[in-house]
Amino acid sequence: MTLSFSTHWPDKMPKEIATTPNGFVEKIWRSMPEDIIDKEFDKYLPKLEELGYPMANDMINITPKIHTIRKGNRFKKGDWIHPVIHNRTKRRYQFIPTFACAGTQSFKISYTENKPHVFIDGKLYSDYEYLEMLALKDGFPDLESFFSWFNEDMDGQIVHWTGFRYW
């Protein structure tokens, strides 16, 4: 299944990051096992550079993006994921080898009186540090940016490609 990722933050994000590169390509590469990075990265780098994608020089210091949150419930454990940028354009590019969905968790965010309520597998999470961890592991720089993106009620799922799960 195609899983499309943006390369820049949209306009609706906080002004400090709006329209700047989001680093998702590097963050997803960083989440892969070292042997995959060692064997495969150089195969993908030339095309990324050709597309003008700003790859980080020092990926060691990048916080890995180990999952993505999507509306709906279309992914299941074992599905093959084809991660792409520039989907549905002539510049479409699968930027990393295909990998298996390692599992999913249900995700829901609802707003009451402009306050977000986050549920994972039906459990309400309200601890700031825990929610910030969720935001960072999903590739956001901070919790404020996470809530700028997820700024309305949504039912969906967390699509994992590592063994990490929220408890």
C-alpha atoms as a PDB file:
ATOM      1  CA  MET A   1       0.000   0.000   0.000  1.00  0.00           C
ATOM      2  CA  THR A   2       1.242   3.470  -0.811  1.00  0.00           C
ATOM      3  CA  LEU A   3       1.910   5.676   2.188  1.00  0.00           C
ATOM      4  CA  SER A   4       2.519   9.241   1.096  1.00  0.00           C
ATOM      5  CA  PHE A   5       4.576  11.725   3.118  1.00  0.00           C
ATOM      6  CA  SER A   6       4.913  15.454   2.703  1.00  0.00           C
ATOM      7  CA  THR A   7       8.339  17.061   2.571  1.00  0.00           C
ATOM      8  CA  HIS A   8       7.400  20.460   4.043  1.00  0.00           C
ATOM      9  CA  TRP A   9       5.176  21.666   6.855  1.00  0.00           C
ATOM     10  CA  PRO A  10       1.904  23.204   5.589  1.00  0.00           C
ATOM     11  CA  ASP A  11       0.916  26.853   6.039  1.00  0.00           C
ATOM     12  CA  LYS A  12      -1.396  26.045   8.954  1.00  0.00           C
ATOM     13  CA  MET A  13       1.526  25.104  11.195  1.00  0.00           C
ATOM     14  CA  PRO A  14       3.066  27.531  13.719  1.00  0.00           C
ATOM     15  CA  LYS A  15       4.861  30.335  11.874  1.00  0.00           C
ATOM     16  CA  GLU A  16       8.291  29.118  13.058  1.00  0.00           C
ATOM     17  CA  ILE A  17       7.986  25.972  10.930  1.00  0.00           C
ATOM     18  CA  ALA A  18       5.264  26.739   8.343  1.00  0.00           C
ATOM     19  CA  THR A  19       6.461  25.883   4.795  1.00  0.00           C
ATOM     20  CA  THR A  20       9.891  24.675   6.029  1.00  0.00           C
ATOM     21  CA  PRO A  21      11.218  21.129   5.369  1.00  0.00           C
ATOM     22  CA  ASN A  22       9.766  18.616   7.840  1.00  0.00           C
ATOM     23  CA  GLY A  23      12.613  16.093   7.590  1.00  0.00           C
ATOM     24  CA  PHE A  24      10.244  13.114   7.358  1.00  0.00           C
ATOM     25  CA  VAL A  25      12.436  11.308   4.821  1.00  0.00           C
ATOM     26  CA  GLU A  26      15.475  11.469   7.121  1.00  0.00           C
ATOM     27  CA  LYS A  27      13.382  10.697  10.211  1.00  0.00           C
ATOM     28  CA  ILE A  28      11.916   7.576   8.577  1.00  0.00           C
ATOM     29  CA  TRP A  29      15.331   6.449   7.317  1.00  0.00           C
ATOM     30  CA  ARG A  30      16.605   6.964  10.879  1.00  0.00           C
ATOM     31  CA  SER A  31      13.909   4.576  12.170  1.00  0.00           C
ATOM     32  CA  MET A  32      15.186   1.706  10.017  1.00  0.00           C
ATOM     33  CA  PRO A  33      17.581  -0.968  11.314  1.00  0.00           C
ATOM     34  CA  GLU A  34      21.242  -0.062  10.788  1.00  0.00           C
ATOM     35  CA  ASP A  35      21.812  -2.921   8.319  1.00  0.00           C
ATOM     36  CA  ILE A  36      19.058  -1.568   6.052  1.00  0.00           C
ATOM     37  CA  ILE A  37      20.529   1.928   6.219  1.00  0.00           C
ATOM     38  CA  ASP A  38      24.031   0.613   5.494  1.00  0.00           C
ATOM     39  CA  LYS A  39      22.901  -1.537   2.528  1.00  0.00           C
ATOM     40  CA  GLU A  40      20.211   0.625   0.961  1.00  0.00           C
ATOM     41  CA  PHE A  41      20.659   4.341   1.713  1.00  0.00           C
ATOM     42  CA  ASP A  42      23.186   5.081  -1.050  1.00  0.00           C
ATOM     43  CA  LYS A  43      20.805   3.617  -3.656  1.00  0.00           C
ATOM     44  CA  TYR A  44      18.136   6.217  -2.821  1.00  0.00           C
ATOM     45  CA  LEU A  45      20.288   9.290  -2.138  1.00  0.00           C
ATOM     46  CA  PRO A  46      21.036  10.324  -5.776  1.00  0.00           C
ATOM     47  CA  LYS A  47      17.337  10.513  -6.724  1.00  0.00           C
ATOM     48  CA  LEU A  48      16.504  12.399  -3.508  1.00  0.00           C
ATOM     49  CA  GLU A  49      19.221  14.918  -4.341  1.00  0.00           C
ATOM     50  CA  GLU A  50      17.925  15.174  -7.924  1.00  0.00           C
ATOM     51  CA  LEU A  51      14.459  15.963  -6.542  1.00  0.00           C
ATOM     52  CA  GLY A  52      16.027  18.740  -4.476  1.00  0.00           C
ATOM     53  CA  TYR A  53      15.244  17.050  -1.190  1.00  0.00           C
ATOM     54  CA  PRO A  54      17.397  18.542   1.589  1.00  0.00           C
ATOM     55  CA  MET A  55      18.843  15.459   3.267  1.00  0.00           C
ATOM     56  CA  ALA A  56      20.447  16.121   6.636  1.00  0.00           C
ATOM     57  CA  ASN A  57      24.224  15.794   6.826  1.00  0.00           C
ATOM     58  CA  ASP A  58      24.202  14.188  10.266  1.00  0.00           C
ATOM     59  CA  MET A  59      21.318  11.719  10.578  1.00  0.00           C
ATOM     60  CA  ILE A  60      22.647  10.377  13.900  1.00  0.00           C
ATOM     61  CA  ASN A  61      21.180  13.382  15.754  1.00  0.00           C
ATOM     62  CA  ILE A  62      17.736  13.104  14.155  1.00  0.00           C
ATOM     63  CA  THR A  63      14.824  11.815  16.224  1.00  0.00           C
ATOM     64  CA  PRO A  64      13.385   8.857  14.277  1.00  0.00           C
ATOM     65  CA  LYS A  65       9.807   8.959  12.973  1.00  0.00           C
ATOM     66  CA  ILE A  66       8.684   5.479  13.971  1.00  0.00           C
ATOM     67  CA  HIS A  67       5.025   5.655  12.963  1.00  0.00           C
ATOM     68  CA  THR A  68       2.437   7.765  11.226  1.00  0.00           C
ATOM     69  CA  ILE A  69      -1.115   8.657  12.175  1.00  0.00           C
ATOM     70  CA  ARG A  70      -3.752   8.391   9.450  1.00  0.00           C
ATOM     71  CA  LYS A  71      -7.516   8.818   9.197  1.00  0.00           C
ATOM     72  CA  GLY A  72      -9.515   5.667   8.759  1.00  0.00           C
ATOM     73  CA  ASN A  73      -8.530   2.081   9.327  1.00  0.00           C
ATOM     74  CA  ARG A  74      -7.013   0.847   6.069  1.00  0.00           C
ATOM     75  CA  PHE A  75      -3.708  -0.606   7.322  1.00  0.00           C
ATOM     76  CA  LYS A  76      -3.199  -3.917   9.085  1.00  0.00           C
ATOM     77  CA  LYS A  77      -0.212  -5.838  10.370  1.00  0.00           C
ATOM     78  CA  GLY A  78       1.744  -7.444   7.541  1.00  0.00           C
ATOM     79  CA  ASP A  79       0.654  -5.005   4.810  1.00  0.00           C
ATOM     80  CA  TRP A  80       3.558  -3.976   2.602  1.00  0.00           C
ATOM     81  CA  ILE A  81       4.133  -0.244   2.822  1.00  0.00           C
ATOM     82  CA  HIS A  82       5.547   1.728  -0.096  1.00  0.00           C
ATOM     83  CA  PRO A  83       6.602   5.103   1.409  1.00  0.00           C
ATOM     84  CA  VAL A  84       6.573   7.872  -1.193  1.00  0.00           C
ATOM     85  CA  ILE A  85       6.980  11.605  -1.549  1.00  0.00           C
ATOM     86  CA  HIS A  86       5.301  13.702  -4.251  1.00  0.00           C
ATOM     87  CA  ASN A  87       2.522  11.139  -4.641  1.00  0.00           C
ATOM     88  CA  ARG A  88       0.229  11.546  -7.651  1.00  0.00           C
ATOM     89  CA  THR A  89       2.755  13.693  -9.520  1.00  0.00           C
ATOM     90  CA  LYS A  90       5.423  13.029 -12.132  1.00  0.00           C
ATOM     91  CA  ARG A  91       7.972  13.434  -9.315  1.00  0.00           C
ATOM     92  CA  ARG A  92       6.506  10.547  -7.261  1.00  0.00           C
ATOM     93  CA  TYR A  93       9.352   8.698  -5.586  1.00  0.00           C
ATOM     94  CA  GLN A  94       9.557   5.782  -3.178  1.00  0.00           C
ATOM     95  CA  PHE A  95      12.334   7.096  -0.947  1.00  0.00           C
ATOM     96  CA  ILE A  96      13.074   3.979   1.098  1.00  0.00           C
ATOM     97  CA  PRO A  97      12.700   0.215   0.536  1.00  0.00           C
ATOM     98  CA  THR A  98       9.264  -1.311   0.994  1.00  0.00           C
ATOM     99  CA  PHE A  99       8.676  -2.489   4.554  1.00  0.00           C
ATOM    100  CA  ALA A 100       5.945  -4.327   6.426  1.00  0.00           C
ATOM    101  CA  CYS A 101       3.406  -2.710   8.707  1.00  0.00           C
ATOM    102  CA  ALA A 102       4.467  -4.012  12.124  1.00  0.00           C
ATOM    103  CA  GLY A 103       1.070  -3.280  13.646  1.00  0.00           C
ATOM    104  CA  THR A 104      -1.526  -0.618  14.235  1.00  0.00           C
ATOM    105  CA  GLN A 105      -3.243   1.042  17.159  1.00  0.00           C
ATOM    106  CA  SER A 106      -6.513   2.912  17.078  1.00  0.00           C
ATOM    107  CA  PHE A 107      -6.163   6.683  17.436  1.00  0.00           C
ATOM    108  CA  LYS A 108      -8.829   9.227  18.203  1.00  0.00           C
ATOM    109  CA  ILE A 109      -8.624  12.903  18.945  1.00  0.00           C
ATOM    110  CA  SER A 110     -11.670  14.885  19.994  1.00  0.00           C
ATOM    111  CA  TYR A 111     -12.011  18.483  21.036  1.00  0.00           C
ATOM    112  CA  THR A 112     -14.226  19.643  23.878  1.00  0.00           C
ATOM    113  CA  GLU A 113     -14.231  23.375  24.614  1.00  0.00           C
ATOM    114  CA  ASN A 114     -11.117  23.698  22.383  1.00  0.00           C
ATOM    115  CA  LYS A 115      -9.203  21.191  24.526  1.00  0.00           C
ATOM    116  CA  PRO A 116      -7.841  18.101  22.763  1.00  0.00           C
ATOM    117  CA  HIS A 117      -8.498  14.633  24.135  1.00  0.00           C
ATOM    118  CA  VAL A 118      -6.241  11.892  22.721  1.00  0.00           C
ATOM    119  CA  PHE A 119      -7.239   8.231  22.836  1.00  0.00           C
ATOM    120  CA  ILE A 120      -5.008   5.329  21.816  1.00  0.00           C
ATOM    121  CA  ASP A 121      -6.673   1.913  21.754  1.00  0.00           C
ATOM    122  CA  GLY A 122      -9.585   3.517  23.602  1.00  0.00           C
ATOM    123  CA  LYS A 123      -7.476   4.781  26.519  1.00  0.00           C
ATOM    124  CA  LEU A 124      -7.406   8.522  27.237  1.00  0.00           C
ATOM    125  CA  TYR A 125      -3.914  10.026  27.374  1.00  0.00           C
ATOM    126  CA  SER A 126      -3.598  13.416  29.049  1.00  0.00           C
ATOM    127  CA  ASP A 127      -0.069  13.438  30.488  1.00  0.00           C
ATOM    128  CA  TYR A 128       1.941  16.212  28.771  1.00  0.00           C
ATOM    129  CA  GLU A 129       5.198  14.248  28.624  1.00  0.00           C
ATOM    130  CA  TYR A 130       3.472  11.197  27.151  1.00  0.00           C
ATOM    131  CA  LEU A 131       1.669  13.262  24.510  1.00  0.00           C
ATOM    132  CA  GLU A 132       4.897  15.058  23.657  1.00  0.00           C
ATOM    133  CA  MET A 133       6.579  11.667  23.184  1.00  0.00           C
ATOM    134  CA  LEU A 134       3.747  10.729  20.781  1.00  0.00           C
ATOM    135  CA  ALA A 135       4.312  13.962  18.847  1.00  0.00           C
ATOM    136  CA  LEU A 136       8.081  13.477  18.613  1.00  0.00           C
ATOM    137  CA  LYS A 137       7.798   9.822  17.571  1.00  0.00           C
ATOM    138  CA  ASP A 138       5.380  10.911  14.833  1.00  0.00           C
ATOM    139  CA  GLY A 139       7.952  13.380  13.473  1.00  0.00           C
ATOM    140  CA  PHE A 140       6.702  16.643  14.955  1.00  0.00           C
ATOM    141  CA  PRO A 141       9.141  19.060  16.612  1.00  0.00           C
ATOM    142  CA  ASP A 142       6.856  19.585  19.619  1.00  0.00           C
ATOM    143  CA  LEU A 143       3.354  19.054  20.995  1.00  0.00           C
ATOM    144  CA  GLU A 144       2.121  22.479  19.841  1.00  0.00           C
ATOM    145  CA  SER A 145       2.896  21.550  16.225  1.00  0.00           C
ATOM    146  CA  PHE A 146       1.217  18.154  16.672  1.00  0.00           C
ATOM    147  CA  PHE A 147      -2.016  19.840  17.807  1.00  0.00           C
ATOM    148  CA  SER A 148      -1.739  22.405  15.000  1.00  0.00           C
ATOM    149  CA  TRP A 149      -1.816  19.499  12.548  1.00  0.00           C
ATOM    150  CA  PHE A 150      -4.428  17.427  14.399  1.00  0.00           C
ATOM    151  CA  ASN A 151      -6.658  20.429  15.079  1.00  0.00           C
ATOM    152  CA  GLU A 152     -10.074  18.805  14.736  1.00  0.00           C
ATOM    153  CA  ASP A 153     -11.852  15.609  15.723  1.00  0.00           C
ATOM    154  CA  MET A 154     -10.451  12.543  13.982  1.00  0.00           C
ATOM    155  CA  ASP A 155     -10.752   8.769  14.112  1.00  0.00           C
ATOM    156  CA  GLY A 156      -7.877   6.831  12.666  1.00  0.00           C
ATOM    157  CA  GLN A 157      -4.938   4.642  13.419  1.00  0.00           C
ATOM    158  CA  ILE A 158      -1.282   4.752  14.275  1.00  0.00           C
ATOM    159  CA  VAL A 159       0.608   2.793  11.619  1.00  0.00           C
ATOM    160  CA  HIS A 160       3.775   1.290  13.100  1.00  0.00           C
ATOM    161  CA  TRP A 161       6.854  -0.011  11.305  1.00  0.00           C
ATOM    162  CA  THR A 162       8.861  -0.741  14.457  1.00  0.00           C
ATOM    163  CA  GLY A 163       8.061  -2.852  17.514  1.00  0.00           C
ATOM    164  CA  PHE A 164       7.190   0.177  19.662  1.00  0.00           C
ATOM    165  CA  ARG A 165       3.613   0.439  20.994  1.00  0.00           C
ATOM    166  CA  TYR A 166       1.773   2.828  23.308  1.00  0.00           C
ATOM    167  CA  TRP A 167       0.545   1.181  26.456  1.00  0.00           C
END
